[in-house]
Amino acid sequence: QAPLTSGRKSLAEKPLDLSNYAQCGTGGIMAARKVYKFQEFNAHTSTVRCVKIGRKSGSVLATGGDDRKVNLWATGKPNNLASLAGHKSSVQCLSFDANEDQLAAGSAGGSLIVWDLASQRVVRQLN
């Protein structure tokens, strides 16, 4: 069962059980029982692997996928704000900093890239 879909399909269908998917950075399991579609858009050219909403504003959203990109979105808007490329393998997890100025993206290959969102440049890369 692939809950997050790609291409022309929606990111989340109504309702959707994500209880057996790991949450990035915590080592725990997500406690969500149901997810409801609040917005439909074309996220990536392949499978979407992770989604993160900024906690400070709740208005910024990041997605990562098998296309090795991180896409940034404004909630409620159908088009992405930016597409960040630089990973050599699938993007598996995402985490915003407290001010939503930077975004850490981890890949299946074990690398971590920290992005500055204003400049859309790499701040640090760990392999």
C-alpha atoms as a PDB file:
ATOM      1  CA  GLN A   1       0.000   0.000   0.000  1.00  0.00           C
ATOM      2  CA  ALA A   2       1.566   3.283  -1.119  1.00  0.00           C
ATOM      3  CA  PRO A   3      -0.222   6.136   0.680  1.00  0.00           C
ATOM      4  CA  LEU A   4       1.587   9.017  -0.991  1.00  0.00           C
ATOM      5  CA  THR A   5       1.238   8.930  -4.735  1.00  0.00           C
ATOM      6  CA  SER A   6       2.948  10.746  -7.539  1.00  0.00           C
ATOM      7  CA  GLY A   7       2.426  12.170 -10.994  1.00  0.00           C
ATOM      8  CA  ARG A   8      -1.115  13.335 -11.630  1.00  0.00           C
ATOM      9  CA  LYS A   9      -2.548  11.614  -8.567  1.00  0.00           C
ATOM     10  CA  SER A  10      -3.328  13.280  -5.270  1.00  0.00           C
ATOM     11  CA  LEU A  11      -0.885  13.423  -2.381  1.00  0.00           C
ATOM     12  CA  ALA A  12      -3.358  11.985   0.108  1.00  0.00           C
ATOM     13  CA  GLU A  13      -6.748  10.394  -0.378  1.00  0.00           C
ATOM     14  CA  LYS A  14      -9.596  10.620   2.121  1.00  0.00           C
ATOM     15  CA  PRO A  15      -9.277   8.858   4.632  1.00  0.00           C
ATOM     16  CA  LEU A  16      -5.786   7.356   4.786  1.00  0.00           C
ATOM     17  CA  ASP A  17      -4.066   5.326   7.488  1.00  0.00           C
ATOM     18  CA  LEU A  18      -0.420   6.336   7.968  1.00  0.00           C
ATOM     19  CA  SER A  19       0.067   4.654  11.343  1.00  0.00           C
ATOM     20  CA  ASN A  20       2.819   2.307  10.176  1.00  0.00           C
ATOM     21  CA  TYR A  21       5.118   4.907   8.606  1.00  0.00           C
ATOM     22  CA  ALA A  22       8.198   6.134  10.468  1.00  0.00           C
ATOM     23  CA  GLN A  23       8.514   9.803  11.290  1.00  0.00           C
ATOM     24  CA  CYS A  24      11.818  11.410  10.338  1.00  0.00           C
ATOM     25  CA  GLY A  25      14.181  12.277  13.164  1.00  0.00           C
ATOM     26  CA  THR A  26      12.229  10.836  16.068  1.00  0.00           C
ATOM     27  CA  GLY A  27      12.726   7.120  15.628  1.00  0.00           C
ATOM     28  CA  GLY A  28       9.072   6.695  16.560  1.00  0.00           C
ATOM     29  CA  ILE A  29       5.947   5.854  14.655  1.00  0.00           C
ATOM     30  CA  MET A  30       3.445   8.489  13.582  1.00  0.00           C
ATOM     31  CA  ALA A  31       0.312   8.451  15.721  1.00  0.00           C
ATOM     32  CA  ALA A  32      -2.027   9.748  13.001  1.00  0.00           C
ATOM     33  CA  ARG A  33      -5.026   7.516  12.362  1.00  0.00           C
ATOM     34  CA  LYS A  34      -6.597   9.350   9.433  1.00  0.00           C
ATOM     35  CA  VAL A  35      -5.451  11.969   6.971  1.00  0.00           C
ATOM     36  CA  TYR A  36      -7.915  14.034   4.992  1.00  0.00           C
ATOM     37  CA  LYS A  37      -7.234  15.672   1.672  1.00  0.00           C
ATOM     38  CA  PHE A  38      -6.932  19.416   2.122  1.00  0.00           C
ATOM     39  CA  GLN A  39      -5.165  20.189  -1.127  1.00  0.00           C
ATOM     40  CA  GLU A  40      -4.442  18.302  -4.331  1.00  0.00           C
ATOM     41  CA  PHE A  41      -1.430  19.056  -6.495  1.00  0.00           C
ATOM     42  CA  ASN A  42       1.260  17.449  -8.631  1.00  0.00           C
ATOM     43  CA  ALA A  43       4.072  17.053  -6.123  1.00  0.00           C
ATOM     44  CA  HIS A  44       6.830  15.152  -7.932  1.00  0.00           C
ATOM     45  CA  THR A  45       7.568  13.228 -11.104  1.00  0.00           C
ATOM     46  CA  SER A  46       7.833  10.019  -9.060  1.00  0.00           C
ATOM     47  CA  THR A  47       6.768   8.663  -5.669  1.00  0.00           C
ATOM     48  CA  VAL A  48       6.518  11.148  -2.795  1.00  0.00           C
ATOM     49  CA  ARG A  49       8.372   9.772   0.250  1.00  0.00           C
ATOM     50  CA  CYS A  50       7.960  12.491   2.872  1.00  0.00           C
ATOM     51  CA  VAL A  51       5.948  15.602   3.708  1.00  0.00           C
ATOM     52  CA  LYS A  52       6.627  18.213   6.377  1.00  0.00           C
ATOM     53  CA  ILE A  53       4.596  21.284   7.345  1.00  0.00           C
ATOM     54  CA  GLY A  54       6.413  24.156   9.052  1.00  0.00           C
ATOM     55  CA  ARG A  55       5.366  24.387  12.700  1.00  0.00           C
ATOM     56  CA  LYS A  56       5.905  28.120  13.174  1.00  0.00           C
ATOM     57  CA  SER A  57       3.554  29.415  10.479  1.00  0.00           C
ATOM     58  CA  GLY A  58       1.787  26.302   9.253  1.00  0.00           C
ATOM     59  CA  SER A  59       1.798  27.939   5.827  1.00  0.00           C
ATOM     60  CA  VAL A  60       4.888  26.336   4.320  1.00  0.00           C
ATOM     61  CA  LEU A  61       5.050  22.720   3.189  1.00  0.00           C
ATOM     62  CA  ALA A  62       7.976  20.639   1.914  1.00  0.00           C
ATOM     63  CA  THR A  63       7.818  17.352   0.025  1.00  0.00           C
ATOM     64  CA  GLY A  64      10.591  14.940  -0.909  1.00  0.00           C
ATOM     65  CA  GLY A  65      10.561  12.013  -3.273  1.00  0.00           C
ATOM     66  CA  ASP A  66      12.166   9.400  -5.465  1.00  0.00           C
ATOM     67  CA  ASP A  67      12.972  12.072  -8.058  1.00  0.00           C
ATOM     68  CA  ARG A  68      15.702  13.205  -5.578  1.00  0.00           C
ATOM     69  CA  LYS A  69      14.163  16.674  -5.194  1.00  0.00           C
ATOM     70  CA  VAL A  70      12.698  18.723  -2.374  1.00  0.00           C
ATOM     71  CA  ASN A  71       9.743  20.871  -3.380  1.00  0.00           C
ATOM     72  CA  LEU A  72       8.531  23.839  -1.327  1.00  0.00           C
ATOM     73  CA  TRP A  73       4.888  24.885  -1.275  1.00  0.00           C
ATOM     74  CA  ALA A  74       2.671  27.548   0.274  1.00  0.00           C
ATOM     75  CA  THR A  75      -0.349  25.784   1.752  1.00  0.00           C
ATOM     76  CA  GLY A  76      -3.436  26.571  -0.274  1.00  0.00           C
ATOM     77  CA  LYS A  77      -1.442  27.258  -3.464  1.00  0.00           C
ATOM     78  CA  PRO A  78      -1.364  24.727  -6.346  1.00  0.00           C
ATOM     79  CA  ASN A  79       2.149  25.500  -7.649  1.00  0.00           C
ATOM     80  CA  ASN A  80       5.427  24.907  -5.875  1.00  0.00           C
ATOM     81  CA  LEU A  81       7.504  27.870  -4.735  1.00  0.00           C
ATOM     82  CA  ALA A  82      10.827  26.163  -5.393  1.00  0.00           C
ATOM     83  CA  SER A  83      12.372  22.851  -6.320  1.00  0.00           C
ATOM     84  CA  LEU A  84      15.681  22.030  -4.618  1.00  0.00           C
ATOM     85  CA  ALA A  85      17.911  19.513  -6.400  1.00  0.00           C
ATOM     86  CA  GLY A  86      21.144  18.060  -5.088  1.00  0.00           C
ATOM     87  CA  HIS A  87      20.468  14.658  -3.588  1.00  0.00           C
ATOM     88  CA  LYS A  88      21.959  11.581  -5.229  1.00  0.00           C
ATOM     89  CA  SER A  89      19.187   9.277  -3.992  1.00  0.00           C
ATOM     90  CA  SER A  90      15.534   9.415  -2.917  1.00  0.00           C
ATOM     91  CA  VAL A  91      14.653  12.093  -0.333  1.00  0.00           C
ATOM     92  CA  GLN A  92      13.273  10.196   2.681  1.00  0.00           C
ATOM     93  CA  CYS A  93      12.836  12.770   5.472  1.00  0.00           C
ATOM     94  CA  LEU A  94      12.527  16.514   6.024  1.00  0.00           C
ATOM     95  CA  SER A  95      12.719  18.884   8.980  1.00  0.00           C
ATOM     96  CA  PHE A  96      12.362  22.681   9.173  1.00  0.00           C
ATOM     97  CA  ASP A  97      14.344  24.729  11.672  1.00  0.00           C
ATOM     98  CA  ALA A  98      12.366  26.646  14.320  1.00  0.00           C
ATOM     99  CA  ASN A  99      12.140  29.826  12.194  1.00  0.00           C
ATOM    100  CA  GLU A 100      11.445  28.032   8.900  1.00  0.00           C
ATOM    101  CA  ASP A 101      14.570  29.638   7.413  1.00  0.00           C
ATOM    102  CA  GLN A 102      16.343  26.339   6.777  1.00  0.00           C
ATOM    103  CA  LEU A 103      15.289  22.831   5.847  1.00  0.00           C
ATOM    104  CA  ALA A 104      17.207  19.603   6.451  1.00  0.00           C
ATOM    105  CA  ALA A 105      16.582  16.824   3.922  1.00  0.00           C
ATOM    106  CA  GLY A 106      17.827  13.266   4.400  1.00  0.00           C
ATOM    107  CA  SER A 107      18.229  10.805   1.566  1.00  0.00           C
ATOM    108  CA  ALA A 108      18.105   7.028   1.218  1.00  0.00           C
ATOM    109  CA  GLY A 109      21.847   7.024   0.545  1.00  0.00           C
ATOM    110  CA  GLY A 110      22.534   8.454   4.004  1.00  0.00           C
ATOM    111  CA  SER A 111      23.366  12.034   3.040  1.00  0.00           C
ATOM    112  CA  LEU A 112      21.853  15.096   4.699  1.00  0.00           C
ATOM    113  CA  ILE A 113      21.562  18.470   3.009  1.00  0.00           C
ATOM    114  CA  VAL A 114      20.642  21.625   4.926  1.00  0.00           C
ATOM    115  CA  TRP A 115      19.063  24.203   2.622  1.00  0.00           C
ATOM    116  CA  ASP A 116      18.746  27.965   3.134  1.00  0.00           C
ATOM    117  CA  LEU A 117      15.204  28.598   1.931  1.00  0.00           C
ATOM    118  CA  ALA A 118      15.603  32.293   1.079  1.00  0.00           C
ATOM    119  CA  SER A 119      18.595  31.760  -1.214  1.00  0.00           C
ATOM    120  CA  GLN A 120      17.680  28.156  -2.142  1.00  0.00           C
ATOM    121  CA  ARG A 121      21.320  27.188  -1.615  1.00  0.00           C
ATOM    122  CA  VAL A 122      23.032  24.412   0.304  1.00  0.00           C
ATOM    123  CA  VAL A 123      24.208  25.557   3.742  1.00  0.00           C
ATOM    124  CA  ARG A 124      25.789  22.247   4.740  1.00  0.00           C
ATOM    125  CA  GLN A 125      26.036  18.755   3.347  1.00  0.00           C
ATOM    126  CA  LEU A 126      26.858  15.634   5.360  1.00  0.00           C
ATOM    127  CA  ASN A 127      27.639  12.375   3.582  1.00  0.00           C
END
